[in-house]
Amino acid sequence: MGIGSGIALFVIGAILVFALNIDTGGYVDLDLIGYILMGAGVLVFLISLVLVMRSRRTESVDRTAVDPATGERVTRRSIRNNDPIA
């Protein structure tokens, strides 16, 4: 499930609550089912958003070595980030 699933659940629930006016004879309350789907959609959306923001991490690696030709110390730094370069 992801952000799109949360939005889809919310939209389906909103359609059941606000757009449909069907009499089911008292056996099924479509408004209640719609509100439950809307709540589940918000919950799935927020959990997915937290997990997406949590997975963005920066990784930095420093390597130091001596250049055999000149005898100088060389430091290489590589940075990994999930964000695209802006």
PDB file of N, CA and C in Angstrom:
ATOM      1  N   MET A   1       0.853  -1.177   0.000  1.00  0.00           N
ATOM      2  CA  MET A   1       0.000   0.000   0.000  1.00  0.00           C
ATOM      3  C   MET A   1       0.895   1.235   0.000  1.00  0.00           C
ATOM      4  N   GLY A   2       0.416   2.245  -0.598  1.00  0.00           N
ATOM      5  CA  GLY A   2       1.200   3.455  -0.660  1.00  0.00           C
ATOM      6  C   GLY A   2       0.318   4.679  -0.581  1.00  0.00           C
ATOM      7  N   ILE A   3       0.909   5.777  -0.980  1.00  0.00           N
ATOM      8  CA  ILE A   3       0.199   7.051  -0.928  1.00  0.00           C
ATOM      9  C   ILE A   3      -1.017   7.016  -1.849  1.00  0.00           C
ATOM     10  N   GLY A   4      -0.871   6.424  -3.016  1.00  0.00           N
ATOM     11  CA  GLY A   4      -1.985   6.326  -3.957  1.00  0.00           C
ATOM     12  C   GLY A   4      -3.127   5.473  -3.423  1.00  0.00           C
ATOM     13  N   SER A   5      -2.796   4.413  -2.705  1.00  0.00           N
ATOM     14  CA  SER A   5      -3.837   3.565  -2.114  1.00  0.00           C
ATOM     15  C   SER A   5      -4.628   4.324  -1.059  1.00  0.00           C
ATOM     16  N   GLY A   6      -3.938   5.120  -0.260  1.00  0.00           N
ATOM     17  CA  GLY A   6      -4.623   5.925   0.751  1.00  0.00           C
ATOM     18  C   GLY A   6      -5.570   6.934   0.129  1.00  0.00           C
ATOM     19  N   ILE A   7      -5.112   7.554  -0.941  1.00  0.00           N
ATOM     20  CA  ILE A   7      -5.969   8.527  -1.636  1.00  0.00           C
ATOM     21  C   ILE A   7      -7.169   7.818  -2.259  1.00  0.00           C
ATOM     22  N   ALA A   8      -6.952   6.627  -2.839  1.00  0.00           N
ATOM     23  CA  ALA A   8      -8.045   5.875  -3.458  1.00  0.00           C
ATOM     24  C   ALA A   8      -9.081   5.457  -2.421  1.00  0.00           C
ATOM     25  N   LEU A   9      -8.638   4.986  -1.261  1.00  0.00           N
ATOM     26  CA  LEU A   9      -9.579   4.621  -0.199  1.00  0.00           C
ATOM     27  C   LEU A   9     -10.391   5.824   0.253  1.00  0.00           C
ATOM     28  N   PHE A  10      -9.730   6.966   0.392  1.00  0.00           N
ATOM     29  CA  PHE A  10     -10.431   8.176   0.820  1.00  0.00           C
ATOM     30  C   PHE A  10     -11.479   8.594  -0.214  1.00  0.00           C
ATOM     31  N   VAL A  11     -11.131   8.533  -1.485  1.00  0.00           N
ATOM     32  CA  VAL A  11     -12.063   8.937  -2.547  1.00  0.00           C
ATOM     33  C   VAL A  11     -13.260   7.985  -2.613  1.00  0.00           C
ATOM     34  N   ILE A  12     -13.010   6.684  -2.510  1.00  0.00           N
ATOM     35  CA  ILE A  12     -14.110   5.719  -2.536  1.00  0.00           C
ATOM     36  C   ILE A  12     -15.041   5.939  -1.341  1.00  0.00           C
ATOM     37  N   GLY A  13     -14.450   6.187  -0.181  1.00  0.00           N
ATOM     38  CA  GLY A  13     -15.271   6.466   1.002  1.00  0.00           C
ATOM     39  C   GLY A  13     -16.082   7.739   0.847  1.00  0.00           C
ATOM     40  N   ALA A  14     -15.491   8.778   0.275  1.00  0.00           N
ATOM     41  CA  ALA A  14     -16.211  10.035   0.069  1.00  0.00           C
ATOM     42  C   ALA A  14     -17.355   9.849  -0.926  1.00  0.00           C
ATOM     43  N   ILE A  15     -17.150   9.024  -1.932  1.00  0.00           N
ATOM     44  CA  ILE A  15     -18.235   8.744  -2.890  1.00  0.00           C
ATOM     45  C   ILE A  15     -19.379   8.023  -2.183  1.00  0.00           C
ATOM     46  N   LEU A  16     -19.053   7.052  -1.332  1.00  0.00           N
ATOM     47  CA  LEU A  16     -20.103   6.335  -0.608  1.00  0.00           C
ATOM     48  C   LEU A  16     -20.879   7.250   0.330  1.00  0.00           C
ATOM     49  N   VAL A  17     -20.186   8.194   0.964  1.00  0.00           N
ATOM     50  CA  VAL A  17     -20.849   9.061   1.935  1.00  0.00           C
ATOM     51  C   VAL A  17     -21.636  10.165   1.244  1.00  0.00           C
ATOM     52  N   PHE A  18     -21.030  10.868   0.315  1.00  0.00           N
ATOM     53  CA  PHE A  18     -21.614  12.106  -0.200  1.00  0.00           C
ATOM     54  C   PHE A  18     -22.338  11.966  -1.540  1.00  0.00           C
ATOM     55  N   ALA A  19     -21.978  10.982  -2.366  1.00  0.00           N
ATOM     56  CA  ALA A  19     -22.534  10.937  -3.714  1.00  0.00           C
ATOM     57  C   ALA A  19     -23.662   9.918  -3.871  1.00  0.00           C
ATOM     58  N   LEU A  20     -23.607   8.831  -3.130  1.00  0.00           N
ATOM     59  CA  LEU A  20     -24.608   7.788  -3.295  1.00  0.00           C
ATOM     60  C   LEU A  20     -25.715   7.945  -2.268  1.00  0.00           C
ATOM     61  N   ASN A  21     -26.932   7.728  -2.729  1.00  0.00           N
ATOM     62  CA  ASN A  21     -28.090   7.776  -1.845  1.00  0.00           C
ATOM     63  C   ASN A  21     -28.941   6.548  -2.151  1.00  0.00           C
ATOM     64  N   ILE A  22     -28.453   5.392  -1.732  1.00  0.00           N
ATOM     65  CA  ILE A  22     -29.106   4.122  -2.031  1.00  0.00           C
ATOM     66  C   ILE A  22     -29.704   3.570  -0.746  1.00  0.00           C
ATOM     67  N   ASP A  23     -30.951   3.119  -0.817  1.00  0.00           N
ATOM     68  CA  ASP A  23     -31.610   2.511   0.325  1.00  0.00           C
ATOM     69  C   ASP A  23     -31.344   1.004   0.292  1.00  0.00           C
ATOM     70  N   THR A  24     -30.643   0.500   1.297  1.00  0.00           N
ATOM     71  CA  THR A  24     -30.314  -0.922   1.350  1.00  0.00           C
ATOM     72  C   THR A  24     -31.247  -1.689   2.271  1.00  0.00           C
ATOM     73  N   GLY A  25     -32.297  -1.081   2.743  1.00  0.00           N
ATOM     74  CA  GLY A  25     -33.253  -1.759   3.598  1.00  0.00           C
ATOM     75  C   GLY A  25     -32.810  -1.851   5.046  1.00  0.00           C
ATOM     76  N   GLY A  26     -31.827  -1.110   5.429  1.00  0.00           N
ATOM     77  CA  GLY A  26     -31.381  -1.102   6.816  1.00  0.00           C
ATOM     78  C   GLY A  26     -30.347  -2.150   7.155  1.00  0.00           C
ATOM     79  N   TYR A  27     -29.964  -2.979   6.200  1.00  0.00           N
ATOM     80  CA  TYR A  27     -28.987  -4.026   6.494  1.00  0.00           C
ATOM     81  C   TYR A  27     -27.562  -3.496   6.462  1.00  0.00           C
ATOM     82  N   VAL A  28     -27.276  -2.608   5.524  1.00  0.00           N
ATOM     83  CA  VAL A  28     -25.925  -2.070   5.355  1.00  0.00           C
ATOM     84  C   VAL A  28     -26.012  -0.551   5.388  1.00  0.00           C
ATOM     85  N   ASP A  29     -25.199   0.049   6.233  1.00  0.00           N
ATOM     86  CA  ASP A  29     -25.144   1.506   6.313  1.00  0.00           C
ATOM     87  C   ASP A  29     -23.967   1.983   5.465  1.00  0.00           C
ATOM     88  N   LEU A  30     -24.270   2.447   4.251  1.00  0.00           N
ATOM     89  CA  LEU A  30     -23.205   2.865   3.336  1.00  0.00           C
ATOM     90  C   LEU A  30     -22.470   4.106   3.838  1.00  0.00           C
ATOM     91  N   ASP A  31     -23.147   4.960   4.583  1.00  0.00           N
ATOM     92  CA  ASP A  31     -22.465   6.132   5.141  1.00  0.00           C
ATOM     93  C   ASP A  31     -21.384   5.710   6.132  1.00  0.00           C
ATOM     94  N   LEU A  32     -21.688   4.742   6.991  1.00  0.00           N
ATOM     95  CA  LEU A  32     -20.705   4.262   7.964  1.00  0.00           C
ATOM     96  C   LEU A  32     -19.524   3.608   7.258  1.00  0.00           C
ATOM     97  N   ILE A  33     -19.803   2.803   6.259  1.00  0.00           N
ATOM     98  CA  ILE A  33     -18.724   2.166   5.492  1.00  0.00           C
ATOM     99  C   ILE A  33     -17.873   3.235   4.810  1.00  0.00           C
ATOM    100  N   GLY A  34     -18.512   4.282   4.288  1.00  0.00           N
ATOM    101  CA  GLY A  34     -17.765   5.371   3.657  1.00  0.00           C
ATOM    102  C   GLY A  34     -16.867   6.094   4.630  1.00  0.00           C
ATOM    103  N   TYR A  35     -17.391   6.372   5.829  1.00  0.00           N
ATOM    104  CA  TYR A  35     -16.557   7.044   6.835  1.00  0.00           C
ATOM    105  C   TYR A  35     -15.397   6.155   7.277  1.00  0.00           C
ATOM    106  N   ILE A  36     -15.640   4.862   7.391  1.00  0.00           N
ATOM    107  CA  ILE A  36     -14.561   3.939   7.754  1.00  0.00           C
ATOM    108  C   ILE A  36     -13.493   3.923   6.663  1.00  0.00           C
ATOM    109  N   LEU A  37     -13.900   3.875   5.405  1.00  0.00           N
ATOM    110  CA  LEU A  37     -12.931   3.900   4.300  1.00  0.00           C
ATOM    111  C   LEU A  37     -12.158   5.215   4.253  1.00  0.00           C
ATOM    112  N   MET A  38     -12.847   6.329   4.543  1.00  0.00           N
ATOM    113  CA  MET A  38     -12.149   7.610   4.556  1.00  0.00           C
ATOM    114  C   MET A  38     -11.104   7.654   5.671  1.00  0.00           C
ATOM    115  N   GLY A  39     -11.462   7.138   6.850  1.00  0.00           N
ATOM    116  CA  GLY A  39     -10.497   7.083   7.959  1.00  0.00           C
ATOM    117  C   GLY A  39      -9.325   6.183   7.643  1.00  0.00           C
ATOM    118  N   ALA A  40      -9.611   5.027   7.041  1.00  0.00           N
ATOM    119  CA  ALA A  40      -8.527   4.115   6.661  1.00  0.00           C
ATOM    120  C   ALA A  40      -7.628   4.743   5.594  1.00  0.00           C
ATOM    121  N   GLY A  41      -8.231   5.488   4.677  1.00  0.00           N
ATOM    122  CA  GLY A  41      -7.437   6.154   3.638  1.00  0.00           C
ATOM    123  C   GLY A  41      -6.496   7.192   4.216  1.00  0.00           C
ATOM    124  N   VAL A  42      -6.986   7.974   5.167  1.00  0.00           N
ATOM    125  CA  VAL A  42      -6.126   8.974   5.822  1.00  0.00           C
ATOM    126  C   VAL A  42      -5.004   8.288   6.577  1.00  0.00           C
ATOM    127  N   LEU A  43      -5.328   7.197   7.275  1.00  0.00           N
ATOM    128  CA  LEU A  43      -4.322   6.469   8.046  1.00  0.00           C
ATOM    129  C   LEU A  43      -3.247   5.875   7.135  1.00  0.00           C
ATOM    130  N   VAL A  44      -3.653   5.238   6.039  1.00  0.00           N
ATOM    131  CA  VAL A  44      -2.688   4.657   5.095  1.00  0.00           C
ATOM    132  C   VAL A  44      -1.833   5.749   4.459  1.00  0.00           C
ATOM    133  N   PHE A  45      -2.453   6.876   4.118  1.00  0.00           N
ATOM    134  CA  PHE A  45      -1.709   7.988   3.528  1.00  0.00           C
ATOM    135  C   PHE A  45      -0.634   8.504   4.491  1.00  0.00           C
ATOM    136  N   LEU A  46      -0.998   8.702   5.757  1.00  0.00           N
ATOM    137  CA  LEU A  46      -0.033   9.223   6.729  1.00  0.00           C
ATOM    138  C   LEU A  46       1.087   8.226   7.012  1.00  0.00           C
ATOM    139  N   ILE A  47       0.754   6.947   7.147  1.00  0.00           N
ATOM    140  CA  ILE A  47       1.790   5.938   7.388  1.00  0.00           C
ATOM    141  C   ILE A  47       2.740   5.864   6.191  1.00  0.00           C
ATOM    142  N   SER A  48       2.202   5.895   4.989  1.00  0.00           N
ATOM    143  CA  SER A  48       3.061   5.854   3.796  1.00  0.00           C
ATOM    144  C   SER A  48       3.955   7.081   3.709  1.00  0.00           C
ATOM    145  N   LEU A  49       3.409   8.234   4.064  1.00  0.00           N
ATOM    146  CA  LEU A  49       4.195   9.462   4.042  1.00  0.00           C
ATOM    147  C   LEU A  49       5.349   9.404   5.047  1.00  0.00           C
ATOM    148  N   VAL A  50       5.076   8.882   6.231  1.00  0.00           N
ATOM    149  CA  VAL A  50       6.130   8.743   7.252  1.00  0.00           C
ATOM    150  C   VAL A  50       7.210   7.784   6.775  1.00  0.00           C
ATOM    151  N   LEU A  51       6.815   6.669   6.173  1.00  0.00           N
ATOM    152  CA  LEU A  51       7.796   5.702   5.698  1.00  0.00           C
ATOM    153  C   LEU A  51       8.623   6.244   4.535  1.00  0.00           C
ATOM    154  N   VAL A  52       8.038   7.038   3.680  1.00  0.00           N
ATOM    155  CA  VAL A  52       8.787   7.635   2.569  1.00  0.00           C
ATOM    156  C   VAL A  52       9.796   8.649   3.102  1.00  0.00           C
ATOM    157  N   MET A  53       9.386   9.465   4.044  1.00  0.00           N
ATOM    158  CA  MET A  53      10.303  10.467   4.597  1.00  0.00           C
ATOM    159  C   MET A  53      11.409   9.803   5.413  1.00  0.00           C
ATOM    160  N   ARG A  54      11.121   8.673   6.023  1.00  0.00           N
ATOM    161  CA  ARG A  54      12.098   7.983   6.850  1.00  0.00           C
ATOM    162  C   ARG A  54      13.182   7.320   6.002  1.00  0.00           C
ATOM    163  N   SER A  55      12.865   6.919   4.785  1.00  0.00           N
ATOM    164  CA  SER A  55      13.831   6.197   3.969  1.00  0.00           C
ATOM    165  C   SER A  55      14.867   7.099   3.322  1.00  0.00           C
ATOM    166  N   ARG A  56      14.710   8.399   3.419  1.00  0.00           N
ATOM    167  CA  ARG A  56      15.698   9.312   2.835  1.00  0.00           C
ATOM    168  C   ARG A  56      16.840   9.509   3.810  1.00  0.00           C
ATOM    169  N   ARG A  57      17.954   8.889   3.504  1.00  0.00           N
ATOM    170  CA  ARG A  57      19.117   8.989   4.380  1.00  0.00           C
ATOM    171  C   ARG A  57      20.333   9.381   3.560  1.00  0.00           C
ATOM    172  N   THR A  58      21.265  10.022   4.206  1.00  0.00           N
ATOM    173  CA  THR A  58      22.504  10.415   3.561  1.00  0.00           C
ATOM    174  C   THR A  58      23.623   9.540   4.108  1.00  0.00           C
ATOM    175  N   GLU A  59      24.456   9.064   3.218  1.00  0.00           N
ATOM    176  CA  GLU A  59      25.560   8.211   3.598  1.00  0.00           C
ATOM    177  C   GLU A  59      26.849   8.867   3.125  1.00  0.00           C
ATOM    178  N   SER A  60      27.796   9.063   4.016  1.00  0.00           N
ATOM    179  CA  SER A  60      29.047   9.722   3.671  1.00  0.00           C
ATOM    180  C   SER A  60      30.218   8.797   4.001  1.00  0.00           C
ATOM    181  N   VAL A  61      31.138   8.634   3.052  1.00  0.00           N
ATOM    182  CA  VAL A  61      32.301   7.762   3.239  1.00  0.00           C
ATOM    183  C   VAL A  61      33.548   8.573   2.923  1.00  0.00           C
ATOM    184  N   ASP A  62      34.512   8.582   3.843  1.00  0.00           N
ATOM    185  CA  ASP A  62      35.799   9.249   3.629  1.00  0.00           C
ATOM    186  C   ASP A  62      36.889   8.189   3.542  1.00  0.00           C
ATOM    187  N   ARG A  63      37.721   8.287   2.507  1.00  0.00           N
ATOM    188  CA  ARG A  63      38.855   7.383   2.352  1.00  0.00           C
ATOM    189  C   ARG A  63      40.123   8.208   2.224  1.00  0.00           C
ATOM    190  N   THR A  64      41.105   7.852   2.994  1.00  0.00           N
ATOM    191  CA  THR A  64      42.380   8.555   2.946  1.00  0.00           C
ATOM    192  C   THR A  64      43.466   7.568   2.513  1.00  0.00           C
ATOM    193  N   ALA A  65      44.273   7.981   1.549  1.00  0.00           N
ATOM    194  CA  ALA A  65      45.364   7.142   1.055  1.00  0.00           C
ATOM    195  C   ALA A  65      46.545   8.037   0.699  1.00  0.00           C
ATOM    196  N   VAL A  66      47.689   7.425   0.502  1.00  0.00           N
ATOM    197  CA  VAL A  66      48.887   8.156   0.111  1.00  0.00           C
ATOM    198  C   VAL A  66      49.145   7.907  -1.372  1.00  0.00           C
ATOM    199  N   ASP A  67      49.311   9.015  -2.115  1.00  0.00           N
ATOM    200  CA  ASP A  67      49.586   8.917  -3.543  1.00  0.00           C
ATOM    201  C   ASP A  67      51.026   8.431  -3.713  1.00  0.00           C
ATOM    202  N   PRO A  68      51.231   7.287  -4.391  1.00  0.00           N
ATOM    203  CA  PRO A  68      52.598   6.754  -4.499  1.00  0.00           C
ATOM    204  C   PRO A  68      53.522   7.614  -5.353  1.00  0.00           C
ATOM    205  N   ALA A  69      52.979   8.391  -6.293  1.00  0.00           N
ATOM    206  CA  ALA A  69      53.829   9.185  -7.177  1.00  0.00           C
ATOM    207  C   ALA A  69      54.351  10.422  -6.460  1.00  0.00           C
ATOM    208  N   THR A  70      53.525  11.098  -5.703  1.00  0.00           N
ATOM    209  CA  THR A  70      53.937  12.356  -5.070  1.00  0.00           C
ATOM    210  C   THR A  70      54.140  12.227  -3.577  1.00  0.00           C
ATOM    211  N   GLY A  71      53.632  11.188  -2.967  1.00  0.00           N
ATOM    212  CA  GLY A  71      53.757  11.024  -1.521  1.00  0.00           C
ATOM    213  C   GLY A  71      52.780  11.883  -0.733  1.00  0.00           C
ATOM    214  N   GLU A  72      51.846  12.504  -1.402  1.00  0.00           N
ATOM    215  CA  GLU A  72      50.851  13.334  -0.708  1.00  0.00           C
ATOM    216  C   GLU A  72      49.683  12.501  -0.231  1.00  0.00           C
ATOM    217  N   ARG A  73      49.064  13.011   0.793  1.00  0.00           N
ATOM    218  CA  ARG A  73      47.863  12.379   1.313  1.00  0.00           C
ATOM    219  C   ARG A  73      46.659  12.817   0.489  1.00  0.00           C
ATOM    220  N   VAL A  74      45.864  11.837   0.064  1.00  0.00           N
ATOM    221  CA  VAL A  74      44.693  12.106  -0.758  1.00  0.00           C
ATOM    222  C   VAL A  74      43.457  11.614  -0.005  1.00  0.00           C
ATOM    223  N   THR A  75      42.480  12.496   0.123  1.00  0.00           N
ATOM    224  CA  THR A  75      41.226  12.132   0.783  1.00  0.00           C
ATOM    225  C   THR A  75      40.111  12.147  -0.240  1.00  0.00           C
ATOM    226  N   ARG A  76      39.399  11.037  -0.323  1.00  0.00           N
ATOM    227  CA  ARG A  76      38.255  10.931  -1.224  1.00  0.00           C
ATOM    228  C   ARG A  76      36.999  10.885  -0.395  1.00  0.00           C
ATOM    229  N   ARG A  77      36.034  11.665  -0.797  1.00  0.00           N
ATOM    230  CA  ARG A  77      34.765  11.699  -0.079  1.00  0.00           C
ATOM    231  C   ARG A  77      33.647  11.385  -1.059  1.00  0.00           C
ATOM    232  N   SER A  78      32.847  10.376  -0.729  1.00  0.00           N
ATOM    233  CA  SER A  78      31.678  10.058  -1.558  1.00  0.00           C
ATOM    234  C   SER A  78      30.428  10.191  -0.689  1.00  0.00           C
ATOM    235  N   ILE A  79      29.436  10.863  -1.224  1.00  0.00           N
ATOM    236  CA  ILE A  79      28.201  11.095  -0.496  1.00  0.00           C
ATOM    237  C   ILE A  79      27.069  10.490  -1.307  1.00  0.00           C
ATOM    238  N   ARG A  80      26.281   9.654  -0.674  1.00  0.00           N
ATOM    239  CA  ARG A  80      25.093   9.081  -1.319  1.00  0.00           C
ATOM    240  C   ARG A  80      23.867   9.692  -0.690  1.00  0.00           C
ATOM    241  N   ASN A  81      22.969  10.094  -1.533  1.00  0.00           N
ATOM    242  CA  ASN A  81      21.723  10.674  -1.071  1.00  0.00           C
ATOM    243  C   ASN A  81      20.632  10.223  -2.019  1.00  0.00           C
ATOM    244  N   ASN A  82      19.460   9.928  -1.492  1.00  0.00           N
ATOM    245  CA  ASN A  82      18.361   9.503  -2.346  1.00  0.00           C
ATOM    246  C   ASN A  82      17.715  10.649  -3.095  1.00  0.00           C
ATOM    247  N   ASP A  83      17.980  11.874  -2.675  1.00  0.00           N
ATOM    248  CA  ASP A  83      17.390  13.021  -3.339  1.00  0.00           C
ATOM    249  C   ASP A  83      18.134  13.321  -4.632  1.00  0.00           C
ATOM    250  N   PRO A  84      17.420  13.725  -5.682  1.00  0.00           N
ATOM    251  CA  PRO A  84      18.110  14.127  -6.903  1.00  0.00           C
ATOM    252  C   PRO A  84      18.877  15.426  -6.701  1.00  0.00           C
ATOM    253  N   ILE A  85      19.916  15.604  -7.481  1.00  0.00           N
ATOM    254  CA  ILE A  85      20.722  16.831  -7.380  1.00  0.00           C
ATOM    255  C   ILE A  85      19.929  17.989  -7.932  1.00  0.00           C
ATOM    256  N   ALA A  86      19.820  19.032  -7.143  1.00  0.00           N
ATOM    257  CA  ALA A  86      19.026  20.204  -7.562  1.00  0.00           C
ATOM    258  C   ALA A  86      19.900  21.242  -8.180  1.00  0.00           C
TER     259      ALA A  86
END
